[in-house]
Amino acid sequence: MSGVRVLVGTRKGMFILTSDGKRKAWDVKGPLFEGWEIYHAKGSTVDPNRIYASQNTSWFGQILQRSNDGGATWAPVGQSVSIRRRAGHTPVV
């Protein structure tokens, strides 16, 4: 039987629940991102070890996190900011 993974986002963090196909006993990992609100958590259909989580706080705002190792480590996705300069245009910062 194949395993089952449930990703749970709460106002106090994220949890990863895993079980075998019978679902009699569950292993609970977490809380991950303790104290952060997790609105969405999604596993990749291409790579079962890749997980995305959408964090939010009133101070820092929305941050998308990605794990490539099943939730052991996390890194923010697409957090770089750049200013493109156009010829003859001075950007206002």
PDB file of N, CA and C in Angstrom:
ATOM      1  N   MET A   1       0.826  -1.184   0.000  1.00  0.00           N
ATOM      2  CA  MET A   1       0.000   0.000   0.000  1.00  0.00           C
ATOM      3  C   MET A   1       0.869   1.245   0.000  1.00  0.00           C
ATOM      4  N   SER A   2       0.391   2.293  -0.637  1.00  0.00           N
ATOM      5  CA  SER A   2       1.134   3.544  -0.674  1.00  0.00           C
ATOM      6  C   SER A   2       0.827   4.384   0.559  1.00  0.00           C
ATOM      7  N   GLY A   3       1.702   5.343   0.832  1.00  0.00           N
ATOM      8  CA  GLY A   3       1.534   6.206   1.987  1.00  0.00           C
ATOM      9  C   GLY A   3       0.618   7.383   1.689  1.00  0.00           C
ATOM     10  N   VAL A   4       0.207   8.048   2.760  1.00  0.00           N
ATOM     11  CA  VAL A   4      -0.682   9.204   2.674  1.00  0.00           C
ATOM     12  C   VAL A   4      -0.012  10.360   3.403  1.00  0.00           C
ATOM     13  N   ARG A   5      -0.079  11.563   2.801  1.00  0.00           N
ATOM     14  CA  ARG A   5       0.449  12.764   3.438  1.00  0.00           C
ATOM     15  C   ARG A   5      -0.637  13.838   3.415  1.00  0.00           C
ATOM     16  N   VAL A   6      -0.871  14.456   4.569  1.00  0.00           N
ATOM     17  CA  VAL A   6      -1.834  15.547   4.683  1.00  0.00           C
ATOM     18  C   VAL A   6      -1.084  16.773   5.163  1.00  0.00           C
ATOM     19  N   LEU A   7      -1.211  17.879   4.424  1.00  0.00           N
ATOM     20  CA  LEU A   7      -0.578  19.142   4.788  1.00  0.00           C
ATOM     21  C   LEU A   7      -1.639  20.023   5.431  1.00  0.00           C
ATOM     22  N   VAL A   8      -1.363  20.495   6.648  1.00  0.00           N
ATOM     23  CA  VAL A   8      -2.356  21.254   7.411  1.00  0.00           C
ATOM     24  C   VAL A   8      -1.781  22.632   7.743  1.00  0.00           C
ATOM     25  N   GLY A   9      -2.454  23.674   7.269  1.00  0.00           N
ATOM     26  CA  GLY A   9      -2.077  25.040   7.596  1.00  0.00           C
ATOM     27  C   GLY A   9      -3.022  25.591   8.651  1.00  0.00           C
ATOM     28  N   THR A  10      -2.460  26.231   9.676  1.00  0.00           N
ATOM     29  CA  THR A  10      -3.268  26.799  10.755  1.00  0.00           C
ATOM     30  C   THR A  10      -2.797  28.225  11.037  1.00  0.00           C
ATOM     31  N   ARG A  11      -3.456  28.899  11.961  1.00  0.00           N
ATOM     32  CA  ARG A  11      -3.047  30.238  12.371  1.00  0.00           C
ATOM     33  C   ARG A  11      -1.792  30.203  13.232  1.00  0.00           C
ATOM     34  N   LYS A  12      -1.384  29.030  13.669  1.00  0.00           N
ATOM     35  CA  LYS A  12      -0.220  28.898  14.543  1.00  0.00           C
ATOM     36  C   LYS A  12       0.921  28.111  13.904  1.00  0.00           C
ATOM     37  N   GLY A  13       0.859  27.868  12.609  1.00  0.00           N
ATOM     38  CA  GLY A  13       1.926  27.148  11.931  1.00  0.00           C
ATOM     39  C   GLY A  13       1.394  26.096  10.981  1.00  0.00           C
ATOM     40  N   MET A  14       2.282  25.225  10.519  1.00  0.00           N
ATOM     41  CA  MET A  14       1.942  24.172   9.560  1.00  0.00           C
ATOM     42  C   MET A  14       2.324  22.822  10.143  1.00  0.00           C
ATOM     43  N   PHE A  15       1.548  21.808   9.798  1.00  0.00           N
ATOM     44  CA  PHE A  15       1.806  20.444  10.241  1.00  0.00           C
ATOM     45  C   PHE A  15       1.793  19.522   9.028  1.00  0.00           C
ATOM     46  N   ILE A  16       2.643  18.509   9.054  1.00  0.00           N
ATOM     47  CA  ILE A  16       2.663  17.475   8.016  1.00  0.00           C
ATOM     48  C   ILE A  16       2.301  16.161   8.698  1.00  0.00           C
ATOM     49  N   LEU A  17       1.192  15.575   8.290  1.00  0.00           N
ATOM     50  CA  LEU A  17       0.736  14.306   8.841  1.00  0.00           C
ATOM     51  C   LEU A  17       0.981  13.219   7.804  1.00  0.00           C
ATOM     52  N   THR A  18       1.608  12.112   8.207  1.00  0.00           N
ATOM     53  CA  THR A  18       1.874  11.008   7.292  1.00  0.00           C
ATOM     54  C   THR A  18       1.391   9.700   7.905  1.00  0.00           C
ATOM     55  N   SER A  19       0.976   8.795   7.028  1.00  0.00           N
ATOM     56  CA  SER A  19       0.499   7.492   7.469  1.00  0.00           C
ATOM     57  C   SER A  19       0.687   6.493   6.332  1.00  0.00           C
ATOM     58  N   ASP A  20       0.520   5.216   6.671  1.00  0.00           N
ATOM     59  CA  ASP A  20       0.527   4.215   5.606  1.00  0.00           C
ATOM     60  C   ASP A  20      -0.873   4.183   4.982  1.00  0.00           C
ATOM     61  N   GLY A  21      -1.072   3.327   4.021  1.00  0.00           N
ATOM     62  CA  GLY A  21      -2.338   3.257   3.317  1.00  0.00           C
ATOM     63  C   GLY A  21      -3.533   2.888   4.180  1.00  0.00           C
ATOM     64  N   LYS A  22      -3.296   2.209   5.288  1.00  0.00           N
ATOM     65  CA  LYS A  22      -4.394   1.816   6.177  1.00  0.00           C
ATOM     66  C   LYS A  22      -4.894   2.971   7.041  1.00  0.00           C
ATOM     67  N   ARG A  23      -4.051   3.980   7.258  1.00  0.00           N
ATOM     68  CA  ARG A  23      -4.393   5.188   8.010  1.00  0.00           C
ATOM     69  C   ARG A  23      -4.821   4.909   9.451  1.00  0.00           C
ATOM     70  N   LYS A  24      -4.232   3.906  10.065  1.00  0.00           N
ATOM     71  CA  LYS A  24      -4.554   3.577  11.462  1.00  0.00           C
ATOM     72  C   LYS A  24      -3.742   4.423  12.429  1.00  0.00           C
ATOM     73  N   ALA A  25      -2.484   4.690  12.095  1.00  0.00           N
ATOM     74  CA  ALA A  25      -1.604   5.486  12.940  1.00  0.00           C
ATOM     75  C   ALA A  25      -0.993   6.610  12.094  1.00  0.00           C
ATOM     76  N   TRP A  26      -0.847   7.790  12.705  1.00  0.00           N
ATOM     77  CA  TRP A  26      -0.333   8.952  11.996  1.00  0.00           C
ATOM     78  C   TRP A  26       0.920   9.486  12.690  1.00  0.00           C
ATOM     79  N   ASP A  27       1.869   9.957  11.886  1.00  0.00           N
ATOM     80  CA  ASP A  27       3.047  10.652  12.385  1.00  0.00           C
ATOM     81  C   ASP A  27       2.822  12.139  12.127  1.00  0.00           C
ATOM     82  N   VAL A  28       2.962  12.964  13.178  1.00  0.00           N
ATOM     83  CA  VAL A  28       2.722  14.405  13.058  1.00  0.00           C
ATOM     84  C   VAL A  28       4.058  15.139  13.164  1.00  0.00           C
ATOM     85  N   LYS A  29       4.385  15.926  12.136  1.00  0.00           N
ATOM     86  CA  LYS A  29       5.604  16.726  12.106  1.00  0.00           C
ATOM     87  C   LYS A  29       5.200  18.197  12.200  1.00  0.00           C
ATOM     88  N   GLY A  30       5.710  18.889  13.199  1.00  0.00           N
ATOM     89  CA  GLY A  30       5.372  20.305  13.327  1.00  0.00           C
ATOM     90  C   GLY A  30       5.183  20.683  14.772  1.00  0.00           C
ATOM     91  N   PRO A  31       4.904  21.913  15.038  1.00  0.00           N
ATOM     92  CA  PRO A  31       4.544  22.927  14.043  1.00  0.00           C
ATOM     93  C   PRO A  31       5.772  23.468  13.299  1.00  0.00           C
ATOM     94  N   LEU A  32       5.625  23.612  11.993  1.00  0.00           N
ATOM     95  CA  LEU A  32       6.613  24.275  11.157  1.00  0.00           C
ATOM     96  C   LEU A  32       6.173  25.740  11.037  1.00  0.00           C
ATOM     97  N   PHE A  33       7.085  26.650  10.919  1.00  0.00           N
ATOM     98  CA  PHE A  33       6.781  28.087  10.858  1.00  0.00           C
ATOM     99  C   PHE A  33       5.960  28.503  12.080  1.00  0.00           C
ATOM    100  N   GLU A  34       6.400  28.083  13.236  1.00  0.00           N
ATOM    101  CA  GLU A  34       5.666  28.330  14.475  1.00  0.00           C
ATOM    102  C   GLU A  34       5.364  29.816  14.661  1.00  0.00           C
ATOM    103  N   GLY A  35       4.099  30.120  14.897  1.00  0.00           N
ATOM    104  CA  GLY A  35       3.657  31.490  15.099  1.00  0.00           C
ATOM    105  C   GLY A  35       3.245  32.209  13.824  1.00  0.00           C
ATOM    106  N   TRP A  36       3.472  31.615  12.670  1.00  0.00           N
ATOM    107  CA  TRP A  36       3.065  32.207  11.393  1.00  0.00           C
ATOM    108  C   TRP A  36       1.737  31.599  10.957  1.00  0.00           C
ATOM    109  N   GLU A  37       0.906  32.397  10.331  1.00  0.00           N
ATOM    110  CA  GLU A  37      -0.333  31.884   9.746  1.00  0.00           C
ATOM    111  C   GLU A  37      -0.008  31.238   8.404  1.00  0.00           C
ATOM    112  N   ILE A  38      -0.463  30.020   8.208  1.00  0.00           N
ATOM    113  CA  ILE A  38      -0.248  29.309   6.946  1.00  0.00           C
ATOM    114  C   ILE A  38      -1.606  29.164   6.267  1.00  0.00           C
ATOM    115  N   TYR A  39      -1.786  29.899   5.172  1.00  0.00           N
ATOM    116  CA  TYR A  39      -3.063  29.870   4.467  1.00  0.00           C
ATOM    117  C   TYR A  39      -3.173  28.724   3.468  1.00  0.00           C
ATOM    118  N   HIS A  40      -2.054  28.381   2.845  1.00  0.00           N
ATOM    119  CA  HIS A  40      -2.068  27.322   1.830  1.00  0.00           C
ATOM    120  C   HIS A  40      -0.821  26.460   1.971  1.00  0.00           C
ATOM    121  N   ALA A  41      -0.979  25.174   1.770  1.00  0.00           N
ATOM    122  CA  ALA A  41       0.142  24.236   1.713  1.00  0.00           C
ATOM    123  C   ALA A  41      -0.167  23.263   0.586  1.00  0.00           C
ATOM    124  N   LYS A  42       0.822  23.036  -0.291  1.00  0.00           N
ATOM    125  CA  LYS A  42       0.585  22.220  -1.482  1.00  0.00           C
ATOM    126  C   LYS A  42       1.807  21.372  -1.780  1.00  0.00           C
ATOM    127  N   GLY A  43       1.578  20.115  -2.040  1.00  0.00           N
ATOM    128  CA  GLY A  43       2.644  19.223  -2.471  1.00  0.00           C
ATOM    129  C   GLY A  43       2.728  19.220  -3.989  1.00  0.00           C
ATOM    130  N   SER A  44       3.928  19.056  -4.516  1.00  0.00           N
ATOM    131  CA  SER A  44       4.133  19.011  -5.961  1.00  0.00           C
ATOM    132  C   SER A  44       3.667  17.669  -6.517  1.00  0.00           C
ATOM    133  N   THR A  45       3.036  17.705  -7.672  1.00  0.00           N
ATOM    134  CA  THR A  45       2.626  16.466  -8.340  1.00  0.00           C
ATOM    135  C   THR A  45       3.787  15.837  -9.102  1.00  0.00           C
ATOM    136  N   VAL A  46       4.833  16.633  -9.365  1.00  0.00           N
ATOM    137  CA  VAL A  46       6.000  16.149 -10.098  1.00  0.00           C
ATOM    138  C   VAL A  46       7.033  15.519  -9.162  1.00  0.00           C
ATOM    139  N   ASP A  47       7.282  16.183  -8.023  1.00  0.00           N
ATOM    140  CA  ASP A  47       8.283  15.725  -7.062  1.00  0.00           C
ATOM    141  C   ASP A  47       7.626  15.610  -5.690  1.00  0.00           C
ATOM    142  N   PRO A  48       7.439  14.402  -5.170  1.00  0.00           N
ATOM    143  CA  PRO A  48       6.748  14.244  -3.886  1.00  0.00           C
ATOM    144  C   PRO A  48       7.475  14.864  -2.701  1.00  0.00           C
ATOM    145  N   ASN A  49       8.764  15.157  -2.835  1.00  0.00           N
ATOM    146  CA  ASN A  49       9.507  15.805  -1.753  1.00  0.00           C
ATOM    147  C   ASN A  49       9.394  17.325  -1.774  1.00  0.00           C
ATOM    148  N   ARG A  50       8.829  17.890  -2.836  1.00  0.00           N
ATOM    149  CA  ARG A  50       8.696  19.349  -2.937  1.00  0.00           C
ATOM    150  C   ARG A  50       7.349  19.778  -2.359  1.00  0.00           C
ATOM    151  N   ILE A  51       7.400  20.715  -1.401  1.00  0.00           N
ATOM    152  CA  ILE A  51       6.199  21.233  -0.750  1.00  0.00           C
ATOM    153  C   ILE A  51       6.260  22.753  -0.773  1.00  0.00           C
ATOM    154  N   TYR A  52       5.125  23.385  -1.018  1.00  0.00           N
ATOM    155  CA  TYR A  52       5.020  24.839  -0.969  1.00  0.00           C
ATOM    156  C   TYR A  52       4.117  25.235   0.196  1.00  0.00           C
ATOM    157  N   ALA A  53       4.465  26.331   0.859  1.00  0.00           N
ATOM    158  CA  ALA A  53       3.640  26.844   1.955  1.00  0.00           C
ATOM    159  C   ALA A  53       3.558  28.360   1.830  1.00  0.00           C
ATOM    160  N   SER A  54       2.362  28.898   2.007  1.00  0.00           N
ATOM    161  CA  SER A  54       2.144  30.335   1.943  1.00  0.00           C
ATOM    162  C   SER A  54       1.987  30.870   3.359  1.00  0.00           C
ATOM    163  N   GLN A  55       2.997  31.629   3.821  1.00  0.00           N
ATOM    164  CA  GLN A  55       2.984  32.198   5.168  1.00  0.00           C
ATOM    165  C   GLN A  55       2.414  33.608   5.126  1.00  0.00           C
ATOM    166  N   ASN A  56       1.919  34.058   6.273  1.00  0.00           N
ATOM    167  CA  ASN A  56       1.457  35.432   6.364  1.00  0.00           C
ATOM    168  C   ASN A  56       1.542  35.930   7.798  1.00  0.00           C
ATOM    169  N   THR A  57       1.993  37.170   7.947  1.00  0.00           N
ATOM    170  CA  THR A  57       1.892  37.875   9.226  1.00  0.00           C
ATOM    171  C   THR A  57       1.505  39.311   8.907  1.00  0.00           C
ATOM    172  N   SER A  58       0.927  39.990   9.878  1.00  0.00           N
ATOM    173  CA  SER A  58       0.529  41.376   9.654  1.00  0.00           C
ATOM    174  C   SER A  58       1.746  42.286   9.499  1.00  0.00           C
ATOM    175  N   TRP A  59       2.899  41.872  10.027  1.00  0.00           N
ATOM    176  CA  TRP A  59       4.094  42.709   9.936  1.00  0.00           C
ATOM    177  C   TRP A  59       4.864  42.473   8.636  1.00  0.00           C
ATOM    178  N   PHE A  60       5.153  41.210   8.290  1.00  0.00           N
ATOM    179  CA  PHE A  60       5.962  40.904   7.117  1.00  0.00           C
ATOM    180  C   PHE A  60       5.141  40.681   5.852  1.00  0.00           C
ATOM    181  N   GLY A  61       3.855  40.423   5.985  1.00  0.00           N
ATOM    182  CA  GLY A  61       3.016  40.170   4.817  1.00  0.00           C
ATOM    183  C   GLY A  61       3.125  38.735   4.331  1.00  0.00           C
ATOM    184  N   GLN A  62       2.856  38.539   3.040  1.00  0.00           N
ATOM    185  CA  GLN A  62       2.814  37.209   2.436  1.00  0.00           C
ATOM    186  C   GLN A  62       4.199  36.761   1.996  1.00  0.00           C
ATOM    187  N   ILE A  63       4.562  35.522   2.345  1.00  0.00           N
ATOM    188  CA  ILE A  63       5.830  34.936   1.914  1.00  0.00           C
ATOM    189  C   ILE A  63       5.568  33.505   1.454  1.00  0.00           C
ATOM    190  N   LEU A  64       6.041  33.173   0.264  1.00  0.00           N
ATOM    191  CA  LEU A  64       5.917  31.811  -0.248  1.00  0.00           C
ATOM    192  C   LEU A  64       7.210  31.067   0.065  1.00  0.00           C
ATOM    193  N   GLN A  65       7.082  29.901   0.712  1.00  0.00           N
ATOM    194  CA  GLN A  65       8.227  29.074   1.079  1.00  0.00           C
ATOM    195  C   GLN A  65       8.198  27.765   0.281  1.00  0.00           C
ATOM    196  N   ARG A  66       9.391  27.207   0.017  1.00  0.00           N
ATOM    197  CA  ARG A  66       9.482  25.932  -0.707  1.00  0.00           C
ATOM    198  C   ARG A  66      10.454  25.007   0.012  1.00  0.00           C
ATOM    199  N   SER A  67      10.070  23.739   0.086  1.00  0.00           N
ATOM    200  CA  SER A  67      10.954  22.692   0.607  1.00  0.00           C
ATOM    201  C   SER A  67      11.166  21.668  -0.496  1.00  0.00           C
ATOM    202  N   ASN A  68      12.399  21.263  -0.686  1.00  0.00           N
ATOM    203  CA  ASN A  68      12.719  20.231  -1.678  1.00  0.00           C
ATOM    204  C   ASN A  68      13.048  18.893  -1.028  1.00  0.00           C
ATOM    205  N   ASP A  69      12.904  18.827   0.310  1.00  0.00           N
ATOM    206  CA  ASP A  69      13.255  17.600   1.029  1.00  0.00           C
ATOM    207  C   ASP A  69      12.134  17.144   1.973  1.00  0.00           C
ATOM    208  N   GLY A  70      10.909  17.328   1.557  1.00  0.00           N
ATOM    209  CA  GLY A  70       9.770  16.826   2.324  1.00  0.00           C
ATOM    210  C   GLY A  70       9.449  17.621   3.576  1.00  0.00           C
ATOM    211  N   GLY A  71       9.975  18.838   3.702  1.00  0.00           N
ATOM    212  CA  GLY A  71       9.666  19.683   4.839  1.00  0.00           C
ATOM    213  C   GLY A  71      10.775  19.790   5.870  1.00  0.00           C
ATOM    214  N   ALA A  72      11.936  19.171   5.618  1.00  0.00           N
ATOM    215  CA  ALA A  72      13.047  19.252   6.571  1.00  0.00           C
ATOM    216  C   ALA A  72      13.677  20.643   6.570  1.00  0.00           C
ATOM    217  N   THR A  73      13.840  21.241   5.386  1.00  0.00           N
ATOM    218  CA  THR A  73      14.372  22.599   5.270  1.00  0.00           C
ATOM    219  C   THR A  73      13.488  23.408   4.335  1.00  0.00           C
ATOM    220  N   TRP A  74      13.493  24.724   4.522  1.00  0.00           N
ATOM    221  CA  TRP A  74      12.636  25.623   3.747  1.00  0.00           C
ATOM    222  C   TRP A  74      13.427  26.834   3.286  1.00  0.00           C
ATOM    223  N   ALA A  75      13.016  27.401   2.137  1.00  0.00           N
ATOM    224  CA  ALA A  75      13.623  28.628   1.619  1.00  0.00           C
ATOM    225  C   ALA A  75      12.538  29.465   0.955  1.00  0.00           C
ATOM    226  N   PRO A  76      12.624  30.805   1.077  1.00  0.00           N
ATOM    227  CA  PRO A  76      11.638  31.653   0.409  1.00  0.00           C
ATOM    228  C   PRO A  76      11.784  31.572  -1.104  1.00  0.00           C
ATOM    229  N   VAL A  77      10.668  31.744  -1.789  1.00  0.00           N
ATOM    230  CA  VAL A  77      10.633  31.667  -3.253  1.00  0.00           C
ATOM    231  C   VAL A  77      10.392  33.060  -3.818  1.00  0.00           C
ATOM    232  N   GLY A  78      11.226  33.472  -4.784  1.00  0.00           N
ATOM    233  CA  GLY A  78      10.992  34.711  -5.521  1.00  0.00           C
ATOM    234  C   GLY A  78      10.896  35.956  -4.673  1.00  0.00           C
ATOM    235  N   GLN A  79      11.836  36.151  -3.756  1.00  0.00           N
ATOM    236  CA  GLN A  79      11.780  37.313  -2.882  1.00  0.00           C
ATOM    237  C   GLN A  79      12.666  38.467  -3.342  1.00  0.00           C
ATOM    238  N   SER A  80      13.264  38.355  -4.516  1.00  0.00           N
ATOM    239  CA  SER A  80      14.159  39.418  -4.960  1.00  0.00           C
ATOM    240  C   SER A  80      13.366  40.577  -5.564  1.00  0.00           C
ATOM    241  N   VAL A  81      13.872  41.770  -5.370  1.00  0.00           N
ATOM    242  CA  VAL A  81      13.254  42.978  -5.917  1.00  0.00           C
ATOM    243  C   VAL A  81      14.271  43.642  -6.820  1.00  0.00           C
ATOM    244  N   SER A  82      13.846  44.029  -8.006  1.00  0.00           N
ATOM    245  CA  SER A  82      14.763  44.712  -8.913  1.00  0.00           C
ATOM    246  C   SER A  82      14.057  45.911  -9.538  1.00  0.00           C
ATOM    247  N   ILE A  83      14.854  46.907  -9.897  1.00  0.00           N
ATOM    248  CA  ILE A  83      14.337  48.098 -10.570  1.00  0.00           C
ATOM    249  C   ILE A  83      14.935  48.127 -11.962  1.00  0.00           C
ATOM    250  N   ARG A  84      14.079  48.137 -12.958  1.00  0.00           N
ATOM    251  CA  ARG A  84      14.548  48.212 -14.339  1.00  0.00           C
ATOM    252  C   ARG A  84      14.638  49.674 -14.749  1.00  0.00           C
ATOM    253  N   ARG A  85      15.758  50.031 -15.327  1.00  0.00           N
ATOM    254  CA  ARG A  85      15.938  51.404 -15.791  1.00  0.00           C
ATOM    255  C   ARG A  85      15.673  51.456 -17.295  1.00  0.00           C
ATOM    256  N   ARG A  86      14.865  52.415 -17.671  1.00  0.00           N
ATOM    257  CA  ARG A  86      14.606  52.636 -19.094  1.00  0.00           C
ATOM    258  C   ARG A  86      15.399  53.856 -19.544  1.00  0.00           C
ATOM    259  N   ALA A  87      15.778  53.871 -20.791  1.00  0.00           N
ATOM    260  CA  ALA A  87      16.538  54.995 -21.345  1.00  0.00           C
ATOM    261  C   ALA A  87      15.748  56.288 -21.176  1.00  0.00           C
ATOM    262  N   GLY A  88      16.389  57.287 -20.600  1.00  0.00           N
ATOM    263  CA  GLY A  88      15.745  58.596 -20.428  1.00  0.00           C
ATOM    264  C   GLY A  88      14.770  58.652 -19.272  1.00  0.00           C
ATOM    265  N   HIS A  89      14.724  57.625 -18.447  1.00  0.00           N
ATOM    266  CA  HIS A  89      13.781  57.607 -17.332  1.00  0.00           C
ATOM    267  C   HIS A  89      14.530  57.403 -16.022  1.00  0.00           C
ATOM    268  N   THR A  90      14.269  58.245 -15.057  1.00  0.00           N
ATOM    269  CA  THR A  90      14.870  58.095 -13.730  1.00  0.00           C
ATOM    270  C   THR A  90      13.812  57.539 -12.794  1.00  0.00           C
ATOM    271  N   PRO A  91      14.023  56.346 -12.248  1.00  0.00           N
ATOM    272  CA  PRO A  91      13.012  55.760 -11.352  1.00  0.00           C
ATOM    273  C   PRO A  91      12.906  56.539 -10.037  1.00  0.00           C
ATOM    274  N   VAL A  92      11.692  56.642  -9.546  1.00  0.00           N
ATOM    275  CA  VAL A  92      11.439  57.275  -8.258  1.00  0.00           C
ATOM    276  C   VAL A  92      11.384  56.180  -7.214  1.00  0.00           C
ATOM    277  N   VAL A  93      12.211  56.281  -6.193  1.00  0.00           N
ATOM    278  CA  VAL A  93      12.256  55.256  -5.158  1.00  0.00           C
ATOM    279  C   VAL A  93      11.719  55.815  -3.866  1.00  0.00           C
TER     280      VAL A  93
END
